[in-house]
N, C-alpha and C. Protein backbone atom coordinates (compact mmCIF):
# COMPACT_ATOMS: atom_id res chain seq x y z
N MET A 1 -8.34 -9.35 -20.10
CA MET A 1 -7.27 -9.94 -19.28
C MET A 1 -7.82 -11.07 -18.42
N ILE A 2 -8.97 -10.83 -17.80
CA ILE A 2 -9.59 -11.85 -16.97
C ILE A 2 -10.02 -13.03 -17.81
N ASP A 3 -10.56 -12.73 -19.03
CA ASP A 3 -10.96 -13.82 -19.92
C ASP A 3 -9.77 -14.68 -20.31
N THR A 4 -8.63 -14.02 -20.55
CA THR A 4 -7.41 -14.76 -20.91
C THR A 4 -6.96 -15.66 -19.76
N LEU A 5 -7.02 -15.14 -18.52
CA LEU A 5 -6.66 -15.93 -17.36
C LEU A 5 -7.58 -17.13 -17.20
N LEU A 6 -8.86 -16.91 -17.44
CA LEU A 6 -9.81 -17.99 -17.30
C LEU A 6 -9.62 -19.06 -18.36
N ARG A 7 -9.20 -18.64 -19.56
CA ARG A 7 -9.02 -19.61 -20.63
C ARG A 7 -7.76 -20.45 -20.44
N ARG A 8 -6.71 -19.84 -19.86
CA ARG A 8 -5.44 -20.57 -19.68
C ARG A 8 -4.95 -20.44 -18.23
N PRO A 9 -5.69 -20.95 -17.28
CA PRO A 9 -5.28 -20.78 -15.87
C PRO A 9 -4.00 -21.54 -15.54
N VAL A 10 -3.83 -22.73 -16.12
CA VAL A 10 -2.64 -23.54 -15.80
C VAL A 10 -1.38 -22.87 -16.33
N ALA A 11 -1.44 -22.36 -17.55
CA ALA A 11 -0.28 -21.71 -18.14
C ALA A 11 0.13 -20.48 -17.34
N TRP A 12 -0.88 -19.69 -16.92
CA TRP A 12 -0.57 -18.49 -16.14
C TRP A 12 -0.03 -18.86 -14.75
N ALA A 13 -0.53 -19.93 -14.19
CA ALA A 13 -0.03 -20.37 -12.88
C ALA A 13 1.43 -20.80 -12.97
N ILE A 14 1.75 -21.53 -14.05
CA ILE A 14 3.13 -21.96 -14.25
C ILE A 14 4.04 -20.74 -14.47
N ALA A 15 3.58 -19.76 -15.24
CA ALA A 15 4.38 -18.56 -15.48
C ALA A 15 4.61 -17.78 -14.20
N ALA A 16 3.55 -17.67 -13.37
CA ALA A 16 3.69 -16.95 -12.10
C ALA A 16 4.65 -17.67 -11.16
N LEU A 17 4.58 -19.00 -11.15
CA LEU A 17 5.48 -19.78 -10.30
C LEU A 17 6.93 -19.63 -10.76
N ALA A 18 7.13 -19.64 -12.09
CA ALA A 18 8.48 -19.47 -12.63
C ALA A 18 9.04 -18.09 -12.29
N LEU A 19 8.17 -17.06 -12.38
CA LEU A 19 8.60 -15.71 -12.03
C LEU A 19 8.97 -15.62 -10.55
N LEU A 20 8.17 -16.25 -9.71
CA LEU A 20 8.45 -16.23 -8.27
C LEU A 20 9.76 -16.94 -7.95
N MET A 21 10.00 -18.10 -8.59
CA MET A 21 11.23 -18.83 -8.36
C MET A 21 12.45 -18.03 -8.83
N THR A 22 12.30 -17.30 -9.94
CA THR A 22 13.39 -16.46 -10.44
C THR A 22 13.72 -15.35 -9.45
N LEU A 23 12.66 -14.72 -8.91
CA LEU A 23 12.87 -13.64 -7.94
C LEU A 23 13.54 -14.17 -6.68
N LEU A 24 13.09 -15.33 -6.21
CA LEU A 24 13.66 -15.90 -4.99
C LEU A 24 15.12 -16.30 -5.20
N SER A 25 15.44 -16.82 -6.37
CA SER A 25 16.82 -17.25 -6.64
C SER A 25 17.76 -16.06 -6.83
N SER A 26 17.20 -14.88 -7.03
CA SER A 26 18.04 -13.70 -7.20
C SER A 26 18.38 -13.03 -5.86
N VAL A 27 17.71 -13.45 -4.80
CA VAL A 27 17.95 -12.88 -3.47
C VAL A 27 18.93 -13.77 -2.71
N ILE A 28 19.91 -13.17 -2.10
CA ILE A 28 20.88 -13.91 -1.29
C ILE A 28 21.05 -13.19 0.04
N ILE A 29 20.93 -13.93 1.12
CA ILE A 29 21.07 -13.37 2.47
C ILE A 29 22.40 -13.86 3.05
N VAL A 30 23.30 -12.92 3.30
CA VAL A 30 24.65 -13.26 3.80
C VAL A 30 24.69 -13.02 5.30
N PRO A 31 24.84 -14.08 6.12
CA PRO A 31 24.95 -13.88 7.58
C PRO A 31 26.31 -13.27 7.94
N GLU A 32 26.40 -12.73 9.13
CA GLU A 32 27.65 -12.08 9.57
C GLU A 32 28.78 -13.08 9.77
N THR A 33 28.44 -14.35 9.94
CA THR A 33 29.48 -15.36 10.18
C THR A 33 30.03 -15.93 8.87
N SER A 34 29.54 -15.47 7.73
CA SER A 34 29.96 -16.05 6.46
C SER A 34 30.33 -14.97 5.46
N GLN A 35 31.02 -15.41 4.42
CA GLN A 35 31.31 -14.58 3.26
C GLN A 35 30.83 -15.35 2.03
N ALA A 36 30.49 -14.63 0.99
CA ALA A 36 30.01 -15.28 -0.22
C ALA A 36 30.81 -14.77 -1.42
N VAL A 37 31.36 -15.71 -2.17
CA VAL A 37 32.02 -15.37 -3.43
C VAL A 37 30.98 -15.56 -4.55
N ILE A 38 30.65 -14.48 -5.23
CA ILE A 38 29.71 -14.56 -6.34
C ILE A 38 30.50 -14.87 -7.62
N VAL A 39 30.17 -15.99 -8.23
CA VAL A 39 30.90 -16.47 -9.40
C VAL A 39 30.01 -16.31 -10.63
N ARG A 40 30.52 -15.62 -11.64
CA ARG A 40 29.78 -15.40 -12.89
C ARG A 40 30.50 -16.11 -14.03
N PHE A 41 29.83 -17.08 -14.61
CA PHE A 41 30.40 -17.87 -15.72
C PHE A 41 31.76 -18.47 -15.34
N GLY A 42 31.85 -18.97 -14.09
CA GLY A 42 33.06 -19.65 -13.65
C GLY A 42 34.15 -18.76 -13.12
N LYS A 43 33.97 -17.43 -13.16
CA LYS A 43 34.98 -16.50 -12.67
C LYS A 43 34.43 -15.70 -11.48
N PRO A 44 35.24 -15.53 -10.42
CA PRO A 44 34.78 -14.74 -9.28
C PRO A 44 34.51 -13.30 -9.68
N ASP A 45 33.34 -12.79 -9.28
CA ASP A 45 32.95 -11.43 -9.68
C ASP A 45 33.03 -10.45 -8.51
N ARG A 46 32.58 -10.88 -7.33
CA ARG A 46 32.60 -9.98 -6.17
C ARG A 46 32.47 -10.81 -4.89
N ILE A 47 32.84 -10.16 -3.78
CA ILE A 47 32.79 -10.80 -2.47
C ILE A 47 31.71 -10.10 -1.64
N LEU A 48 30.83 -10.89 -1.04
CA LEU A 48 29.80 -10.35 -0.15
C LEU A 48 30.09 -10.81 1.27
N GLY A 49 29.95 -9.90 2.21
CA GLY A 49 30.22 -10.20 3.62
C GLY A 49 30.75 -8.96 4.30
N GLY A 50 30.78 -8.99 5.62
CA GLY A 50 31.23 -7.80 6.35
C GLY A 50 30.24 -6.68 6.19
N ALA A 51 30.66 -5.60 5.52
CA ALA A 51 29.78 -4.45 5.31
C ALA A 51 28.61 -4.82 4.39
N GLN A 52 28.79 -5.86 3.56
CA GLN A 52 27.73 -6.27 2.64
C GLN A 52 26.88 -7.40 3.20
N ALA A 53 27.00 -7.68 4.51
CA ALA A 53 26.17 -8.73 5.12
C ALA A 53 24.70 -8.32 5.07
N GLY A 54 23.84 -9.30 5.02
CA GLY A 54 22.40 -9.04 4.94
C GLY A 54 21.86 -9.43 3.57
N ILE A 55 20.83 -8.72 3.14
CA ILE A 55 20.17 -9.04 1.87
C ILE A 55 20.95 -8.46 0.70
N ASN A 56 21.25 -9.31 -0.27
CA ASN A 56 21.95 -8.90 -1.48
C ASN A 56 21.27 -9.54 -2.69
N TRP A 57 21.75 -9.15 -3.87
CA TRP A 57 21.14 -9.62 -5.10
C TRP A 57 22.20 -10.27 -5.99
N ARG A 58 21.74 -11.23 -6.80
CA ARG A 58 22.59 -11.84 -7.81
C ARG A 58 21.74 -12.13 -9.05
N LEU A 59 22.40 -12.35 -10.14
CA LEU A 59 21.69 -12.65 -11.38
C LEU A 59 21.37 -14.14 -11.43
N PRO A 60 20.10 -14.50 -11.42
CA PRO A 60 19.75 -15.92 -11.44
C PRO A 60 20.19 -16.59 -12.74
N PHE A 61 20.62 -17.84 -12.61
CA PHE A 61 21.06 -18.68 -13.73
C PHE A 61 22.38 -18.21 -14.34
N VAL A 62 22.89 -17.07 -13.91
CA VAL A 62 24.15 -16.54 -14.44
C VAL A 62 25.23 -16.57 -13.37
N GLU A 63 24.84 -16.22 -12.14
CA GLU A 63 25.78 -16.16 -11.03
C GLU A 63 25.46 -17.25 -10.01
N THR A 64 26.52 -17.86 -9.51
CA THR A 64 26.38 -18.85 -8.44
C THR A 64 27.12 -18.34 -7.20
N THR A 65 26.82 -18.96 -6.06
CA THR A 65 27.38 -18.51 -4.78
C THR A 65 28.23 -19.60 -4.16
N VAL A 66 29.44 -19.24 -3.74
CA VAL A 66 30.31 -20.13 -2.98
C VAL A 66 30.42 -19.57 -1.57
N TRP A 67 29.96 -20.33 -0.58
CA TRP A 67 29.95 -19.85 0.80
C TRP A 67 31.27 -20.16 1.48
N ILE A 68 31.76 -19.19 2.28
CA ILE A 68 33.01 -19.34 3.02
C ILE A 68 32.76 -18.91 4.46
N ASP A 69 33.09 -19.79 5.39
CA ASP A 69 32.88 -19.52 6.81
C ASP A 69 33.96 -18.56 7.31
N LYS A 70 33.55 -17.50 8.01
CA LYS A 70 34.51 -16.55 8.57
C LYS A 70 35.06 -17.01 9.92
N ARG A 71 34.42 -18.01 10.51
CA ARG A 71 34.86 -18.49 11.82
C ARG A 71 36.06 -19.43 11.69
N MET A 72 36.65 -19.77 12.84
CA MET A 72 37.80 -20.68 12.83
C MET A 72 37.34 -22.10 12.50
N ARG A 73 38.19 -22.80 11.75
CA ARG A 73 37.95 -24.19 11.42
C ARG A 73 39.16 -25.01 11.84
N ASP A 74 38.95 -26.32 11.99
CA ASP A 74 40.01 -27.21 12.45
C ASP A 74 40.50 -28.11 11.32
N ILE A 75 41.79 -28.43 11.37
CA ILE A 75 42.37 -29.46 10.52
C ILE A 75 42.84 -30.57 11.45
N ASP A 76 42.22 -31.72 11.38
CA ASP A 76 42.64 -32.86 12.19
C ASP A 76 43.67 -33.68 11.42
N MET A 77 44.80 -33.88 12.04
CA MET A 77 45.88 -34.62 11.41
C MET A 77 45.76 -36.10 11.73
N ASP A 78 46.08 -36.96 10.77
CA ASP A 78 46.16 -38.39 11.04
C ASP A 78 47.31 -38.64 12.01
N ARG A 79 47.16 -39.68 12.83
CA ARG A 79 48.20 -39.99 13.82
C ARG A 79 49.55 -40.20 13.12
N GLN A 80 50.56 -39.54 13.66
CA GLN A 80 51.91 -39.60 13.09
C GLN A 80 52.87 -40.24 14.10
N GLN A 81 53.83 -40.97 13.58
CA GLN A 81 54.88 -41.53 14.44
C GLN A 81 56.14 -40.68 14.29
N VAL A 82 56.59 -40.12 15.40
CA VAL A 82 57.74 -39.21 15.40
C VAL A 82 58.93 -39.91 16.04
N LEU A 83 60.09 -39.76 15.42
CA LEU A 83 61.32 -40.34 15.94
C LEU A 83 62.16 -39.20 16.52
N SER A 84 62.42 -39.27 17.83
CA SER A 84 63.19 -38.22 18.50
C SER A 84 64.67 -38.35 18.17
N THR A 85 65.45 -37.35 18.60
CA THR A 85 66.89 -37.37 18.32
C THR A 85 67.60 -38.50 19.05
N ASP A 86 67.02 -38.98 20.18
CA ASP A 86 67.61 -40.12 20.88
C ASP A 86 66.95 -41.45 20.47
N GLN A 87 66.37 -41.44 19.24
CA GLN A 87 65.89 -42.67 18.58
C GLN A 87 64.73 -43.35 19.32
N LEU A 88 63.89 -42.57 19.99
CA LEU A 88 62.68 -43.11 20.60
C LEU A 88 61.47 -42.65 19.79
N ARG A 89 60.49 -43.53 19.68
CA ARG A 89 59.32 -43.23 18.86
C ARG A 89 58.16 -42.77 19.73
N LEU A 90 57.40 -41.83 19.19
CA LEU A 90 56.23 -41.30 19.88
C LEU A 90 55.11 -41.15 18.86
N GLU A 91 53.91 -41.63 19.21
CA GLU A 91 52.75 -41.50 18.34
C GLU A 91 51.98 -40.24 18.74
N VAL A 92 51.77 -39.35 17.77
CA VAL A 92 51.25 -38.01 18.06
C VAL A 92 49.96 -37.76 17.27
N ASP A 93 48.95 -37.25 17.97
CA ASP A 93 47.74 -36.72 17.34
C ASP A 93 47.75 -35.21 17.52
N ALA A 94 47.56 -34.47 16.43
CA ALA A 94 47.59 -33.01 16.51
C ALA A 94 46.51 -32.42 15.63
N PHE A 95 46.24 -31.14 15.84
CA PHE A 95 45.29 -30.42 14.99
C PHE A 95 45.73 -28.97 14.88
N ALA A 96 45.24 -28.31 13.85
CA ALA A 96 45.52 -26.88 13.64
C ALA A 96 44.19 -26.15 13.49
N ARG A 97 44.17 -24.90 13.91
CA ARG A 97 43.01 -24.03 13.71
C ARG A 97 43.37 -22.95 12.70
N TYR A 98 42.44 -22.68 11.78
CA TYR A 98 42.71 -21.67 10.77
C TYR A 98 41.47 -20.85 10.48
N ARG A 99 41.70 -19.72 9.82
CA ARG A 99 40.60 -18.84 9.40
C ARG A 99 40.91 -18.32 8.00
N VAL A 100 39.88 -18.24 7.17
CA VAL A 100 40.03 -17.69 5.82
C VAL A 100 40.07 -16.17 5.93
N VAL A 101 41.16 -15.56 5.48
CA VAL A 101 41.31 -14.11 5.54
C VAL A 101 41.24 -13.46 4.16
N ASP A 102 41.39 -14.26 3.12
CA ASP A 102 41.32 -13.76 1.75
C ASP A 102 40.44 -14.71 0.94
N PRO A 103 39.12 -14.50 0.95
CA PRO A 103 38.22 -15.45 0.27
C PRO A 103 38.45 -15.54 -1.23
N LEU A 104 38.87 -14.45 -1.86
CA LEU A 104 39.11 -14.49 -3.30
C LEU A 104 40.29 -15.42 -3.62
N ARG A 105 41.38 -15.26 -2.89
CA ARG A 105 42.55 -16.13 -3.10
C ARG A 105 42.19 -17.58 -2.79
N MET A 106 41.43 -17.78 -1.72
CA MET A 106 41.02 -19.13 -1.35
C MET A 106 40.23 -19.79 -2.48
N TYR A 107 39.30 -19.04 -3.08
CA TYR A 107 38.49 -19.60 -4.16
C TYR A 107 39.35 -19.90 -5.39
N ILE A 108 40.25 -18.99 -5.73
CA ILE A 108 41.08 -19.18 -6.92
C ILE A 108 42.00 -20.39 -6.77
N ARG A 109 42.58 -20.57 -5.56
CA ARG A 109 43.55 -21.64 -5.36
C ARG A 109 42.91 -22.99 -5.05
N ALA A 110 41.77 -22.97 -4.33
CA ALA A 110 41.24 -24.25 -3.83
C ALA A 110 39.77 -24.49 -4.15
N ARG A 111 39.02 -23.44 -4.45
CA ARG A 111 37.59 -23.53 -4.77
C ARG A 111 36.69 -23.75 -3.56
N SER A 112 37.19 -24.41 -2.49
CA SER A 112 36.35 -24.65 -1.31
C SER A 112 37.23 -24.84 -0.08
N GLU A 113 36.63 -24.66 1.10
CA GLU A 113 37.37 -24.83 2.35
C GLU A 113 37.78 -26.28 2.56
N ASP A 114 36.96 -27.22 2.12
CA ASP A 114 37.30 -28.63 2.28
C ASP A 114 38.59 -28.96 1.55
N ARG A 115 38.77 -28.39 0.37
CA ARG A 115 40.00 -28.63 -0.38
C ARG A 115 41.20 -27.99 0.29
N VAL A 116 40.99 -26.86 0.96
CA VAL A 116 42.07 -26.24 1.72
C VAL A 116 42.52 -27.18 2.83
N SER A 117 41.56 -27.75 3.55
CA SER A 117 41.90 -28.68 4.63
C SER A 117 42.65 -29.88 4.09
N GLN A 118 42.20 -30.41 2.96
CA GLN A 118 42.87 -31.57 2.35
C GLN A 118 44.30 -31.24 1.95
N ALA A 119 44.52 -30.01 1.47
CA ALA A 119 45.86 -29.61 1.04
C ALA A 119 46.79 -29.38 2.22
N LEU A 120 46.26 -28.85 3.33
CA LEU A 120 47.11 -28.49 4.46
C LEU A 120 47.36 -29.66 5.42
N ARG A 121 46.49 -30.67 5.40
CA ARG A 121 46.64 -31.78 6.35
C ARG A 121 47.98 -32.50 6.22
N PRO A 122 48.41 -32.92 5.02
CA PRO A 122 49.72 -33.58 4.93
C PRO A 122 50.88 -32.65 5.25
N ILE A 123 50.72 -31.35 4.99
CA ILE A 123 51.78 -30.40 5.30
C ILE A 123 51.92 -30.25 6.81
N LEU A 124 50.80 -30.26 7.52
CA LEU A 124 50.84 -30.22 8.98
C LEU A 124 51.60 -31.42 9.52
N GLY A 125 51.31 -32.62 8.98
CA GLY A 125 52.02 -33.81 9.42
C GLY A 125 53.50 -33.74 9.14
N SER A 126 53.88 -33.22 7.97
CA SER A 126 55.29 -33.11 7.61
C SER A 126 56.01 -32.12 8.52
N GLU A 127 55.39 -30.96 8.75
CA GLU A 127 56.00 -29.95 9.63
C GLU A 127 56.17 -30.50 11.05
N LEU A 128 55.17 -31.25 11.52
CA LEU A 128 55.24 -31.79 12.87
C LEU A 128 56.36 -32.81 13.00
N ARG A 129 56.47 -33.72 12.03
CA ARG A 129 57.54 -34.73 12.09
C ARG A 129 58.92 -34.08 12.01
N ASN A 130 59.07 -33.09 11.13
CA ASN A 130 60.37 -32.44 10.98
C ASN A 130 60.79 -31.70 12.25
N GLU A 131 59.84 -30.98 12.85
CA GLU A 131 60.17 -30.16 14.02
C GLU A 131 60.39 -31.02 15.26
N LEU A 132 59.47 -31.96 15.53
CA LEU A 132 59.63 -32.78 16.72
C LEU A 132 60.79 -33.75 16.58
N GLY A 133 61.15 -34.09 15.33
CA GLY A 133 62.28 -34.98 15.12
C GLY A 133 63.62 -34.34 15.43
N LYS A 134 63.64 -33.02 15.65
CA LYS A 134 64.87 -32.33 16.00
C LYS A 134 65.11 -32.30 17.51
N ARG A 135 64.19 -32.87 18.27
CA ARG A 135 64.26 -32.72 19.73
C ARG A 135 64.38 -34.08 20.42
N PRO A 136 65.00 -34.09 21.63
CA PRO A 136 65.08 -35.35 22.39
C PRO A 136 63.71 -35.75 22.92
N PHE A 137 63.60 -37.02 23.27
CA PHE A 137 62.33 -37.57 23.70
C PHE A 137 61.75 -36.83 24.90
N ALA A 138 62.60 -36.46 25.86
CA ALA A 138 62.12 -35.80 27.07
C ALA A 138 61.42 -34.48 26.75
N ASP A 139 61.91 -33.76 25.74
CA ASP A 139 61.30 -32.47 25.37
C ASP A 139 59.90 -32.66 24.79
N LEU A 140 59.67 -33.80 24.15
CA LEU A 140 58.37 -34.03 23.53
C LEU A 140 57.27 -34.26 24.55
N LEU A 141 57.65 -34.64 25.76
CA LEU A 141 56.68 -34.90 26.83
C LEU A 141 56.66 -33.79 27.87
N SER A 142 57.32 -32.69 27.61
CA SER A 142 57.43 -31.60 28.58
C SER A 142 56.90 -30.31 27.98
N PRO A 143 56.74 -29.27 28.82
CA PRO A 143 56.31 -27.96 28.29
C PRO A 143 57.26 -27.37 27.27
N GLU A 144 58.47 -27.92 27.14
CA GLU A 144 59.44 -27.43 26.17
C GLU A 144 58.91 -27.53 24.73
N ARG A 145 57.94 -28.41 24.53
CA ARG A 145 57.44 -28.61 23.16
C ARG A 145 56.59 -27.44 22.68
N GLN A 146 56.26 -26.51 23.58
CA GLN A 146 55.48 -25.35 23.16
C GLN A 146 56.23 -24.53 22.11
N GLY A 147 57.54 -24.42 22.27
CA GLY A 147 58.33 -23.72 21.26
C GLY A 147 58.28 -24.43 19.92
N ALA A 148 58.23 -25.77 19.96
CA ALA A 148 58.11 -26.54 18.72
C ALA A 148 56.77 -26.27 18.06
N MET A 149 55.71 -26.12 18.85
CA MET A 149 54.38 -25.85 18.29
C MET A 149 54.36 -24.51 17.55
N VAL A 150 55.07 -23.53 18.10
CA VAL A 150 55.14 -22.21 17.45
C VAL A 150 55.85 -22.34 16.11
N ASN A 151 56.94 -23.09 16.08
CA ASN A 151 57.67 -23.28 14.82
C ASN A 151 56.82 -24.01 13.79
N ILE A 152 56.06 -25.01 14.23
CA ILE A 152 55.18 -25.75 13.33
C ILE A 152 54.10 -24.83 12.78
N ARG A 153 53.53 -24.00 13.66
CA ARG A 153 52.49 -23.07 13.22
C ARG A 153 53.04 -22.09 12.18
N ASN A 154 54.23 -21.57 12.42
CA ASN A 154 54.82 -20.61 11.48
C ASN A 154 55.10 -21.26 10.12
N GLY A 155 55.62 -22.49 10.15
CA GLY A 155 55.90 -23.18 8.89
C GLY A 155 54.64 -23.49 8.11
N LEU A 156 53.59 -23.92 8.82
CA LEU A 156 52.32 -24.22 8.16
C LEU A 156 51.66 -22.94 7.66
N ASP A 157 51.81 -21.86 8.41
CA ASP A 157 51.19 -20.59 8.02
C ASP A 157 51.77 -20.06 6.71
N MET A 158 53.06 -20.28 6.48
CA MET A 158 53.67 -19.81 5.24
C MET A 158 53.02 -20.46 4.02
N VAL A 159 52.68 -21.73 4.15
CA VAL A 159 52.01 -22.44 3.06
C VAL A 159 50.54 -22.03 2.99
N ALA A 160 49.91 -21.90 4.16
CA ALA A 160 48.48 -21.60 4.21
C ALA A 160 48.14 -20.26 3.57
N ARG A 161 49.06 -19.29 3.66
CA ARG A 161 48.77 -17.97 3.10
C ARG A 161 48.64 -18.00 1.58
N GLN A 162 49.20 -19.02 0.95
CA GLN A 162 49.01 -19.18 -0.49
C GLN A 162 47.55 -19.49 -0.83
N TYR A 163 46.82 -19.99 0.16
CA TYR A 163 45.40 -20.33 -0.01
C TYR A 163 44.47 -19.27 0.59
N GLY A 164 45.03 -18.12 0.99
CA GLY A 164 44.20 -17.09 1.61
C GLY A 164 43.79 -17.43 3.02
N VAL A 165 44.59 -18.26 3.70
CA VAL A 165 44.25 -18.76 5.03
C VAL A 165 45.33 -18.37 6.02
N ARG A 166 44.93 -18.08 7.26
CA ARG A 166 45.90 -17.79 8.32
C ARG A 166 45.77 -18.86 9.40
N ILE A 167 46.89 -19.46 9.80
CA ILE A 167 46.90 -20.47 10.86
C ILE A 167 46.88 -19.77 12.21
N ILE A 168 45.87 -20.08 13.01
CA ILE A 168 45.72 -19.45 14.32
C ILE A 168 46.53 -20.18 15.38
N ASP A 169 46.49 -21.51 15.35
CA ASP A 169 47.12 -22.28 16.42
C ASP A 169 47.37 -23.71 15.96
N VAL A 170 48.36 -24.35 16.54
CA VAL A 170 48.62 -25.78 16.35
C VAL A 170 48.76 -26.40 17.72
N ARG A 171 48.04 -27.50 17.96
CA ARG A 171 48.06 -28.16 19.26
C ARG A 171 48.22 -29.66 19.11
N ILE A 172 48.85 -30.26 20.11
CA ILE A 172 48.93 -31.72 20.19
C ILE A 172 47.80 -32.20 21.09
N LYS A 173 46.96 -33.07 20.55
CA LYS A 173 45.87 -33.63 21.34
C LYS A 173 46.36 -34.75 22.24
N ARG A 174 47.24 -35.56 21.68
CA ARG A 174 47.68 -36.74 22.43
C ARG A 174 49.06 -37.16 21.94
N ALA A 175 49.90 -37.60 22.87
CA ALA A 175 51.23 -38.09 22.53
C ALA A 175 51.48 -39.34 23.36
N ASP A 176 51.59 -40.49 22.69
CA ASP A 176 51.74 -41.77 23.38
C ASP A 176 52.94 -42.53 22.84
N LEU A 177 53.51 -43.34 23.71
CA LEU A 177 54.52 -44.29 23.27
C LEU A 177 53.82 -45.48 22.62
N PRO A 178 54.40 -46.05 21.56
CA PRO A 178 53.81 -47.26 20.98
C PRO A 178 53.77 -48.38 22.00
N ASP A 179 52.75 -49.22 21.91
CA ASP A 179 52.65 -50.36 22.82
C ASP A 179 53.79 -51.35 22.56
N GLY A 180 54.12 -52.11 23.60
CA GLY A 180 55.11 -53.17 23.42
C GLY A 180 56.49 -52.75 23.87
N THR A 181 57.50 -53.23 23.16
CA THR A 181 58.90 -53.04 23.55
C THR A 181 59.31 -51.58 23.70
N PRO A 182 58.93 -50.66 22.76
CA PRO A 182 59.35 -49.26 22.94
C PRO A 182 58.84 -48.65 24.24
N LEU A 183 57.61 -49.00 24.62
CA LEU A 183 57.04 -48.47 25.86
C LEU A 183 57.77 -49.02 27.06
N GLU A 184 58.00 -50.32 27.07
CA GLU A 184 58.71 -50.93 28.20
C GLU A 184 60.14 -50.40 28.29
N SER A 185 60.78 -50.23 27.16
CA SER A 185 62.15 -49.72 27.14
C SER A 185 62.21 -48.30 27.70
N ALA A 186 61.22 -47.47 27.31
CA ALA A 186 61.20 -46.10 27.80
C ALA A 186 61.00 -46.06 29.31
N PHE A 187 60.10 -46.89 29.83
CA PHE A 187 59.88 -46.94 31.27
C PHE A 187 61.13 -47.39 32.00
N THR A 188 61.84 -48.36 31.42
CA THR A 188 63.08 -48.84 32.03
C THR A 188 64.12 -47.74 32.09
N ARG A 189 64.26 -46.98 30.99
CA ARG A 189 65.23 -45.88 30.97
C ARG A 189 64.86 -44.81 31.99
N MET A 190 63.56 -44.50 32.07
CA MET A 190 63.13 -43.49 33.03
C MET A 190 63.40 -43.96 34.45
N GLN A 191 63.13 -45.23 34.74
CA GLN A 191 63.36 -45.75 36.08
C GLN A 191 64.85 -45.73 36.42
N THR A 192 65.68 -46.11 35.45
CA THR A 192 67.13 -46.09 35.67
C THR A 192 67.64 -44.68 35.94
N ALA A 193 67.12 -43.70 35.15
CA ALA A 193 67.53 -42.31 35.35
C ALA A 193 67.13 -41.81 36.72
N ARG A 194 65.92 -42.16 37.16
CA ARG A 194 65.46 -41.72 38.49
C ARG A 194 66.30 -42.37 39.59
N ASN A 195 66.63 -43.64 39.44
CA ASN A 195 67.44 -44.33 40.45
C ASN A 195 68.82 -43.71 40.54
N GLN A 196 69.40 -43.35 39.40
CA GLN A 196 70.72 -42.69 39.40
C GLN A 196 70.65 -41.34 40.08
N GLU A 197 69.56 -40.60 39.80
CA GLU A 197 69.40 -39.29 40.44
C GLU A 197 69.23 -39.42 41.94
N ALA A 198 68.44 -40.43 42.38
CA ALA A 198 68.25 -40.64 43.81
C ALA A 198 69.55 -41.03 44.48
N ALA A 199 70.35 -41.89 43.81
CA ALA A 199 71.62 -42.31 44.39
C ALA A 199 72.57 -41.13 44.54
N THR A 200 72.56 -40.24 43.53
CA THR A 200 73.41 -39.04 43.60
C THR A 200 73.01 -38.16 44.77
N ILE A 201 71.70 -37.97 44.99
CA ILE A 201 71.23 -37.13 46.09
C ILE A 201 71.60 -37.75 47.43
N ARG A 202 71.44 -39.07 47.54
CA ARG A 202 71.79 -39.74 48.80
C ARG A 202 73.29 -39.64 49.07
């Protein structure tokens, strides 16, 4: 055996390295903050995470791993222009928070979390425009819009569950009037309304 090793040291070194790489590729460590979908020949075979967190095994070269974050993730919406029921425009930036609750469904429908975000982003914008478009301008700038956020979250959640995802929250980051004439017109209307209210009180 020793004579054989001495005669072919390079070949044995390559074989030992290949064996080591095979062993290392068969070990998978799943942190508590993640889940792993083990895919065998393109089909999901099992889910690792939760009770299976820690050191696990997979078949090298046969099974691949798709990682899924168990923590909350954000969907940032592109700025949307909303038209209120009294025909005033408002530019809105919003975001949603979600969590993957069914990794198998998520993998089957979208293959990755990034694709889930891409699929839900335009739906978030559509739900936001539809819901805020049912309300007068004053409601969009007041705490009254909290009820609208709940409705938007519920509508988005119905779609998100098809991807194995649950919507935790929807929030507006910023709501501004467009620069120029719409902004000046809104200020004029607000000033007129306040002057009328003051005159009534006097």
